[in-house]
Amino acid sequence: MAVLARASAGEIEARLADGPELPPHVRLRGPETGMVMVRGRAGGSGAPFNLGEMTVTRCAVRLESGTIGHAYVAGTDVKQAELAAVLDAALQDGGRQAGLQQAVIAPLAALQAARRADEAAKAAATSVEFFTMATMRGG
């Protein structure tokens, strides 16, 4: 679900274009967009505080088999939320799971990993090493 939540609707549709067909579904809820409160902790372990609000789109669907899928995605892309919910339900079917993992999830995960590596390389190229005054004075 994390891979689907980070993938755009276009990226998901591109993987489905030549791959397995999604099963028919009925919308149970949404897709609908709203806000959620994001909480943080000072230093990672301090007291929790409200960082701010974030836009989220959610969707719930039911397949003809009765399997229910849910998705929550950051932003307002209703198509992404619905595709992720349908895939959540379809991935619960043992007969479809391997094909969907191979055709959709694995390529999206590889694309996201490559994107993160590219961003990390760009950030590393701009890093500056700082020395303390004590180091510069020789101790």
N, C-alpha and C. Protein backbone atom coordinates (compact mmCIF):
# COMPACT_ATOMS: atom_id res chain seq x y z
N MET A 1 0.83 -1.19 0.00
CA MET A 1 0.00 0.00 0.00
C MET A 1 0.87 1.25 0.00
N ALA A 2 2.03 1.20 0.63
CA ALA A 2 2.91 2.37 0.64
C ALA A 2 3.37 2.71 -0.77
N VAL A 3 3.66 1.69 -1.55
CA VAL A 3 4.09 1.91 -2.94
C VAL A 3 2.95 2.54 -3.73
N LEU A 4 1.74 2.05 -3.56
CA LEU A 4 0.59 2.61 -4.28
C LEU A 4 0.28 4.02 -3.81
N ALA A 5 0.46 4.30 -2.53
CA ALA A 5 0.19 5.63 -2.00
C ALA A 5 1.17 6.66 -2.55
N ARG A 6 2.40 6.23 -2.87
CA ARG A 6 3.41 7.16 -3.41
C ARG A 6 3.39 7.25 -4.93
N ALA A 7 2.69 6.35 -5.60
CA ALA A 7 2.64 6.34 -7.07
C ALA A 7 1.49 7.21 -7.56
N SER A 8 1.70 7.89 -8.66
CA SER A 8 0.61 8.69 -9.24
C SER A 8 -0.36 7.77 -9.97
N ALA A 9 -1.55 8.30 -10.24
CA ALA A 9 -2.54 7.53 -10.99
C ALA A 9 -1.98 7.14 -12.36
N GLY A 10 -1.28 8.07 -13.00
CA GLY A 10 -0.69 7.79 -14.31
C GLY A 10 0.32 6.66 -14.28
N GLU A 11 1.14 6.63 -13.21
CA GLU A 11 2.13 5.56 -13.08
C GLU A 11 1.44 4.21 -12.87
N ILE A 12 0.40 4.19 -12.08
CA ILE A 12 -0.33 2.95 -11.84
C ILE A 12 -1.01 2.48 -13.13
N GLU A 13 -1.68 3.40 -13.82
CA GLU A 13 -2.36 3.05 -15.07
C GLU A 13 -1.39 2.55 -16.12
N ALA A 14 -0.18 3.12 -16.16
CA ALA A 14 0.82 2.68 -17.13
C ALA A 14 1.21 1.22 -16.89
N ARG A 15 1.29 0.80 -15.61
CA ARG A 15 1.64 -0.59 -15.29
C ARG A 15 0.48 -1.53 -15.59
N LEU A 16 -0.74 -1.01 -15.50
CA LEU A 16 -1.91 -1.85 -15.76
C LEU A 16 -2.24 -1.96 -17.25
N ALA A 17 -1.72 -1.03 -18.06
CA ALA A 17 -2.07 -0.99 -19.49
C ALA A 17 -1.70 -2.29 -20.20
N ASP A 18 -0.54 -2.83 -19.92
CA ASP A 18 -0.09 -4.05 -20.59
C ASP A 18 -0.17 -5.27 -19.68
N GLY A 19 -0.58 -5.06 -18.44
CA GLY A 19 -0.58 -6.15 -17.47
C GLY A 19 -1.96 -6.69 -17.20
N PRO A 20 -2.14 -7.18 -16.00
CA PRO A 20 -3.43 -7.79 -15.64
C PRO A 20 -4.55 -6.76 -15.57
N GLU A 21 -5.75 -7.22 -15.88
CA GLU A 21 -6.92 -6.35 -15.85
C GLU A 21 -7.48 -6.32 -14.43
N LEU A 22 -7.88 -5.14 -13.99
CA LEU A 22 -8.48 -5.04 -12.67
C LEU A 22 -9.90 -5.58 -12.69
N PRO A 23 -10.31 -6.21 -11.60
CA PRO A 23 -11.68 -6.76 -11.54
C PRO A 23 -12.72 -5.65 -11.39
N PRO A 24 -13.95 -5.92 -11.80
CA PRO A 24 -15.03 -4.92 -11.60
C PRO A 24 -15.22 -4.67 -10.10
N HIS A 25 -15.61 -3.45 -9.78
CA HIS A 25 -15.79 -3.09 -8.37
C HIS A 25 -16.94 -2.11 -8.20
N VAL A 26 -17.37 -2.00 -6.96
CA VAL A 26 -18.40 -1.04 -6.57
C VAL A 26 -17.80 -0.14 -5.51
N ARG A 27 -18.02 1.15 -5.64
CA ARG A 27 -17.52 2.09 -4.62
C ARG A 27 -18.38 2.00 -3.36
N LEU A 28 -17.71 1.82 -2.25
CA LEU A 28 -18.40 1.82 -0.96
C LEU A 28 -18.34 3.20 -0.32
N ARG A 29 -17.20 3.86 -0.48
CA ARG A 29 -16.99 5.19 0.07
C ARG A 29 -16.03 5.95 -0.85
N GLY A 30 -16.46 7.13 -1.24
CA GLY A 30 -15.59 8.01 -2.01
C GLY A 30 -15.43 7.58 -3.44
N PRO A 31 -14.36 8.01 -4.05
CA PRO A 31 -13.25 8.71 -3.42
C PRO A 31 -13.66 10.11 -2.97
N GLU A 32 -13.16 10.48 -1.79
CA GLU A 32 -13.46 11.78 -1.23
C GLU A 32 -12.20 12.37 -0.59
N THR A 33 -12.12 13.69 -0.66
CA THR A 33 -10.94 14.39 -0.18
C THR A 33 -11.27 15.14 1.11
N GLY A 34 -10.35 15.13 2.03
CA GLY A 34 -10.51 15.84 3.30
C GLY A 34 -9.16 16.18 3.90
N MET A 35 -9.19 16.57 5.14
CA MET A 35 -7.96 16.96 5.83
C MET A 35 -7.74 16.04 7.03
N VAL A 36 -6.47 15.79 7.34
CA VAL A 36 -6.11 15.06 8.55
C VAL A 36 -5.04 15.88 9.28
N MET A 37 -5.01 15.73 10.59
CA MET A 37 -4.01 16.41 11.40
C MET A 37 -2.74 15.56 11.42
N VAL A 38 -1.62 16.18 11.11
CA VAL A 38 -0.33 15.50 11.15
C VAL A 38 0.32 15.83 12.48
N ARG A 39 0.74 14.80 13.20
CA ARG A 39 1.37 15.01 14.51
C ARG A 39 2.85 14.73 14.41
N GLY A 40 3.61 15.40 15.25
CA GLY A 40 5.05 15.21 15.30
C GLY A 40 5.51 15.09 16.74
N ARG A 41 6.80 14.80 16.90
CA ARG A 41 7.41 14.73 18.23
C ARG A 41 8.74 15.45 18.16
N ALA A 42 9.00 16.28 19.13
CA ALA A 42 10.28 16.99 19.19
C ALA A 42 11.40 15.98 19.42
N GLY A 43 12.36 15.96 18.52
CA GLY A 43 13.47 15.03 18.65
C GLY A 43 13.11 13.58 18.41
N GLY A 44 11.91 13.32 17.94
CA GLY A 44 11.50 11.95 17.65
C GLY A 44 10.96 11.20 18.86
N SER A 45 11.25 11.68 20.07
CA SER A 45 10.76 10.98 21.26
C SER A 45 10.15 11.94 22.28
N GLY A 46 10.07 13.20 21.96
CA GLY A 46 9.50 14.18 22.89
C GLY A 46 7.99 14.15 22.90
N ALA A 47 7.43 15.16 23.52
CA ALA A 47 5.98 15.25 23.61
C ALA A 47 5.38 15.48 22.23
N PRO A 48 4.26 14.81 21.93
CA PRO A 48 3.62 15.00 20.62
C PRO A 48 3.02 16.40 20.49
N PHE A 49 3.03 16.91 19.26
CA PHE A 49 2.42 18.20 18.99
C PHE A 49 1.78 18.16 17.61
N ASN A 50 0.80 19.03 17.38
CA ASN A 50 0.13 19.11 16.09
C ASN A 50 1.01 19.90 15.13
N LEU A 51 1.50 19.24 14.10
CA LEU A 51 2.38 19.87 13.12
C LEU A 51 1.57 20.71 12.13
N GLY A 52 0.43 20.21 11.73
CA GLY A 52 -0.43 20.92 10.79
C GLY A 52 -1.37 19.95 10.10
N GLU A 53 -2.15 20.48 9.17
CA GLU A 53 -3.10 19.65 8.44
C GLU A 53 -2.55 19.27 7.07
N MET A 54 -3.04 18.15 6.57
CA MET A 54 -2.60 17.61 5.30
C MET A 54 -3.82 17.14 4.53
N THR A 55 -3.85 17.39 3.22
CA THR A 55 -4.94 16.94 2.37
C THR A 55 -4.77 15.46 2.06
N VAL A 56 -5.84 14.69 2.22
CA VAL A 56 -5.82 13.25 1.99
C VAL A 56 -7.08 12.87 1.22
N THR A 57 -6.93 11.91 0.31
CA THR A 57 -8.08 11.38 -0.41
C THR A 57 -8.21 9.90 -0.06
N ARG A 58 -9.43 9.48 0.25
CA ARG A 58 -9.66 8.09 0.63
C ARG A 58 -10.71 7.47 -0.27
N CYS A 59 -10.67 6.14 -0.33
CA CYS A 59 -11.64 5.41 -1.14
C CYS A 59 -11.75 3.99 -0.58
N ALA A 60 -12.95 3.44 -0.65
CA ALA A 60 -13.19 2.05 -0.27
C ALA A 60 -14.04 1.42 -1.36
N VAL A 61 -13.66 0.22 -1.79
CA VAL A 61 -14.37 -0.48 -2.86
C VAL A 61 -14.63 -1.93 -2.46
N ARG A 62 -15.59 -2.55 -3.14
CA ARG A 62 -15.87 -3.97 -2.95
C ARG A 62 -15.85 -4.63 -4.32
N LEU A 63 -15.12 -5.73 -4.43
CA LEU A 63 -15.09 -6.51 -5.67
C LEU A 63 -16.32 -7.41 -5.72
N GLU A 64 -16.58 -7.98 -6.89
CA GLU A 64 -17.71 -8.91 -7.04
C GLU A 64 -17.58 -10.10 -6.11
N SER A 65 -16.35 -10.46 -5.76
CA SER A 65 -16.10 -11.59 -4.85
C SER A 65 -16.44 -11.25 -3.41
N GLY A 66 -16.67 -9.97 -3.12
CA GLY A 66 -16.97 -9.53 -1.76
C GLY A 66 -15.77 -8.97 -1.03
N THR A 67 -14.59 -9.08 -1.61
CA THR A 67 -13.38 -8.55 -0.99
C THR A 67 -13.43 -7.03 -0.99
N ILE A 68 -13.05 -6.44 0.13
CA ILE A 68 -13.08 -4.99 0.28
C ILE A 68 -11.65 -4.46 0.30
N GLY A 69 -11.44 -3.35 -0.42
CA GLY A 69 -10.14 -2.69 -0.46
C GLY A 69 -10.28 -1.24 -0.03
N HIS A 70 -9.25 -0.75 0.66
CA HIS A 70 -9.24 0.63 1.16
C HIS A 70 -7.95 1.31 0.71
N ALA A 71 -8.01 2.63 0.55
CA ALA A 71 -6.81 3.39 0.25
C ALA A 71 -6.94 4.80 0.79
N TYR A 72 -5.84 5.30 1.31
CA TYR A 72 -5.69 6.69 1.71
C TYR A 72 -4.42 7.19 1.02
N VAL A 73 -4.53 8.28 0.27
CA VAL A 73 -3.36 8.82 -0.43
C VAL A 73 -3.24 10.31 -0.13
N ALA A 74 -2.02 10.80 -0.09
CA ALA A 74 -1.78 12.22 0.14
C ALA A 74 -2.22 13.01 -1.10
N GLY A 75 -2.85 14.14 -0.88
CA GLY A 75 -3.25 14.99 -1.99
C GLY A 75 -4.70 14.79 -2.39
N THR A 76 -5.01 15.21 -3.62
CA THR A 76 -6.40 15.24 -4.07
C THR A 76 -6.67 14.38 -5.30
N ASP A 77 -5.79 13.44 -5.60
CA ASP A 77 -5.94 12.61 -6.79
C ASP A 77 -6.94 11.48 -6.54
N VAL A 78 -8.20 11.71 -6.93
CA VAL A 78 -9.25 10.72 -6.68
C VAL A 78 -9.04 9.44 -7.48
N LYS A 79 -8.48 9.55 -8.67
CA LYS A 79 -8.21 8.37 -9.51
C LYS A 79 -7.16 7.48 -8.83
N GLN A 80 -6.12 8.09 -8.30
CA GLN A 80 -5.08 7.33 -7.59
C GLN A 80 -5.68 6.59 -6.40
N ALA A 81 -6.53 7.26 -5.63
CA ALA A 81 -7.13 6.63 -4.45
C ALA A 81 -8.00 5.43 -4.86
N GLU A 82 -8.79 5.60 -5.93
CA GLU A 82 -9.65 4.50 -6.36
C GLU A 82 -8.83 3.33 -6.91
N LEU A 83 -7.82 3.62 -7.72
CA LEU A 83 -6.97 2.54 -8.24
C LEU A 83 -6.27 1.80 -7.10
N ALA A 84 -5.77 2.54 -6.11
CA ALA A 84 -5.09 1.92 -4.98
C ALA A 84 -6.05 1.04 -4.19
N ALA A 85 -7.29 1.49 -4.01
CA ALA A 85 -8.28 0.69 -3.28
C ALA A 85 -8.62 -0.59 -4.03
N VAL A 86 -8.80 -0.49 -5.34
CA VAL A 86 -9.11 -1.67 -6.15
C VAL A 86 -7.93 -2.65 -6.10
N LEU A 87 -6.73 -2.12 -6.20
CA LEU A 87 -5.55 -2.99 -6.12
C LEU A 87 -5.42 -3.61 -4.74
N ASP A 88 -5.75 -2.87 -3.69
CA ASP A 88 -5.72 -3.44 -2.34
C ASP A 88 -6.63 -4.65 -2.26
N ALA A 89 -7.82 -4.52 -2.79
CA ALA A 89 -8.76 -5.65 -2.77
C ALA A 89 -8.27 -6.79 -3.66
N ALA A 90 -7.79 -6.47 -4.85
CA ALA A 90 -7.34 -7.50 -5.79
C ALA A 90 -6.11 -8.25 -5.26
N LEU A 91 -5.24 -7.54 -4.52
CA LEU A 91 -4.04 -8.18 -3.97
C LEU A 91 -4.38 -9.16 -2.85
N GLN A 92 -5.58 -9.08 -2.31
CA GLN A 92 -6.00 -10.03 -1.28
C GLN A 92 -6.41 -11.38 -1.88
N ASP A 93 -6.59 -11.42 -3.19
CA ASP A 93 -6.96 -12.64 -3.91
C ASP A 93 -5.67 -13.38 -4.25
N GLY A 94 -5.48 -14.56 -3.70
CA GLY A 94 -4.27 -15.34 -3.92
C GLY A 94 -4.00 -15.63 -5.39
N GLY A 95 -5.04 -15.74 -6.20
CA GLY A 95 -4.87 -16.02 -7.62
C GLY A 95 -4.36 -14.82 -8.41
N ARG A 96 -4.62 -13.65 -7.93
CA ARG A 96 -4.18 -12.42 -8.63
C ARG A 96 -2.91 -11.82 -8.04
N GLN A 97 -2.62 -12.15 -6.80
CA GLN A 97 -1.56 -11.46 -6.06
C GLN A 97 -0.20 -11.50 -6.76
N ALA A 98 0.25 -12.66 -7.16
CA ALA A 98 1.58 -12.78 -7.77
C ALA A 98 1.68 -11.97 -9.06
N GLY A 99 0.66 -12.04 -9.89
CA GLY A 99 0.67 -11.29 -11.15
C GLY A 99 0.68 -9.79 -10.92
N LEU A 100 -0.11 -9.33 -9.97
CA LEU A 100 -0.15 -7.89 -9.67
C LEU A 100 1.16 -7.42 -9.03
N GLN A 101 1.71 -8.25 -8.17
CA GLN A 101 3.00 -7.90 -7.56
C GLN A 101 4.07 -7.72 -8.63
N GLN A 102 4.09 -8.64 -9.59
CA GLN A 102 5.11 -8.61 -10.65
C GLN A 102 4.85 -7.50 -11.66
N ALA A 103 3.61 -7.30 -12.04
CA ALA A 103 3.30 -6.33 -13.10
C ALA A 103 3.16 -4.90 -12.61
N VAL A 104 2.73 -4.72 -11.36
CA VAL A 104 2.43 -3.36 -10.88
C VAL A 104 3.33 -2.95 -9.72
N ILE A 105 3.29 -3.69 -8.64
CA ILE A 105 3.95 -3.27 -7.41
C ILE A 105 5.48 -3.24 -7.55
N ALA A 106 6.07 -4.32 -8.03
CA ALA A 106 7.54 -4.37 -8.15
C ALA A 106 8.08 -3.27 -9.07
N PRO A 107 7.51 -3.05 -10.27
CA PRO A 107 8.03 -1.96 -11.10
C PRO A 107 7.86 -0.57 -10.47
N LEU A 108 6.74 -0.35 -9.78
CA LEU A 108 6.55 0.93 -9.11
C LEU A 108 7.55 1.11 -7.98
N ALA A 109 7.81 0.06 -7.21
CA ALA A 109 8.77 0.12 -6.12
C ALA A 109 10.17 0.41 -6.66
N ALA A 110 10.53 -0.21 -7.78
CA ALA A 110 11.84 0.03 -8.40
C ALA A 110 11.95 1.47 -8.89
N LEU A 111 10.88 1.98 -9.50
CA LEU A 111 10.86 3.36 -9.97
C LEU A 111 11.03 4.32 -8.79
N GLN A 112 10.34 4.06 -7.69
CA GLN A 112 10.44 4.93 -6.52
C GLN A 112 11.82 4.85 -5.88
N ALA A 113 12.42 3.67 -5.85
CA ALA A 113 13.77 3.52 -5.30
C ALA A 113 14.78 4.27 -6.15
N ALA A 114 14.64 4.19 -7.47
CA ALA A 114 15.54 4.92 -8.37
C ALA A 114 15.38 6.42 -8.19
N ARG A 115 14.15 6.87 -8.01
CA ARG A 115 13.88 8.29 -7.80
C ARG A 115 14.53 8.77 -6.49
N ARG A 116 14.41 7.96 -5.42
CA ARG A 116 15.03 8.31 -4.14
C ARG A 116 16.55 8.34 -4.25
N ALA A 117 17.13 7.38 -4.97
CA ALA A 117 18.58 7.34 -5.14
C ALA A 117 19.06 8.56 -5.93
N ASP A 118 18.30 8.96 -6.95
CA ASP A 118 18.66 10.14 -7.74
C ASP A 118 18.60 11.40 -6.88
N GLU A 119 17.56 11.52 -6.06
CA GLU A 119 17.44 12.68 -5.18
C GLU A 119 18.56 12.69 -4.14
N ALA A 120 18.92 11.52 -3.62
CA ALA A 120 20.00 11.44 -2.63
C ALA A 120 21.34 11.82 -3.27
N ALA A 121 21.57 11.40 -4.52
CA ALA A 121 22.81 11.75 -5.21
C ALA A 121 22.89 13.26 -5.45
N LYS A 122 21.77 13.86 -5.82
CA LYS A 122 21.75 15.32 -6.02
C LYS A 122 22.01 16.06 -4.72
N ALA A 123 21.41 15.57 -3.64
CA ALA A 123 21.63 16.20 -2.34
C ALA A 123 23.07 16.03 -1.88
N ALA A 124 23.65 14.85 -2.11
CA ALA A 124 25.03 14.59 -1.70
C ALA A 124 26.00 15.48 -2.46
N ALA A 125 25.68 15.79 -3.69
CA ALA A 125 26.57 16.63 -4.50
C ALA A 125 26.64 18.05 -3.97
N THR A 126 25.65 18.46 -3.22
CA THR A 126 25.63 19.83 -2.69
C THR A 126 26.00 19.90 -1.22
N SER A 127 26.36 18.77 -0.62
CA SER A 127 26.66 18.77 0.81
C SER A 127 27.97 19.49 1.09
N VAL A 128 28.01 20.11 2.22
CA VAL A 128 29.20 20.85 2.66
C VAL A 128 29.64 20.25 3.97
N GLU A 129 30.94 20.03 4.13
CA GLU A 129 31.46 19.50 5.37
C GLU A 129 31.95 20.66 6.23
N PHE A 130 31.47 20.70 7.43
CA PHE A 130 31.85 21.77 8.35
C PHE A 130 32.80 21.22 9.40
N PHE A 131 33.80 22.01 9.74
CA PHE A 131 34.74 21.65 10.79
C PHE A 131 34.53 22.63 11.93
N THR A 132 34.74 22.15 13.15
CA THR A 132 34.61 23.06 14.28
C THR A 132 35.85 23.92 14.39
N MET A 133 35.74 25.01 15.07
CA MET A 133 36.89 25.90 15.26
C MET A 133 38.02 25.17 15.96
N ALA A 134 37.68 24.28 16.89
CA ALA A 134 38.72 23.54 17.61
C ALA A 134 39.51 22.67 16.64
N THR A 135 38.86 22.07 15.68
CA THR A 135 39.55 21.24 14.70
C THR A 135 40.46 22.10 13.83
N MET A 136 39.99 23.26 13.45
CA MET A 136 40.76 24.12 12.58
C MET A 136 41.96 24.71 13.30
N ARG A 137 41.88 24.88 14.61
CA ARG A 137 42.98 25.45 15.39
C ARG A 137 43.97 24.38 15.82
N GLY A 138 43.60 23.13 15.55
CA GLY A 138 44.52 22.06 15.91
C GLY A 138 44.25 21.48 17.29
N GLY A 139 43.10 21.69 17.81
CA GLY A 139 42.79 20.99 19.03
C GLY A 139 42.23 21.83 20.06
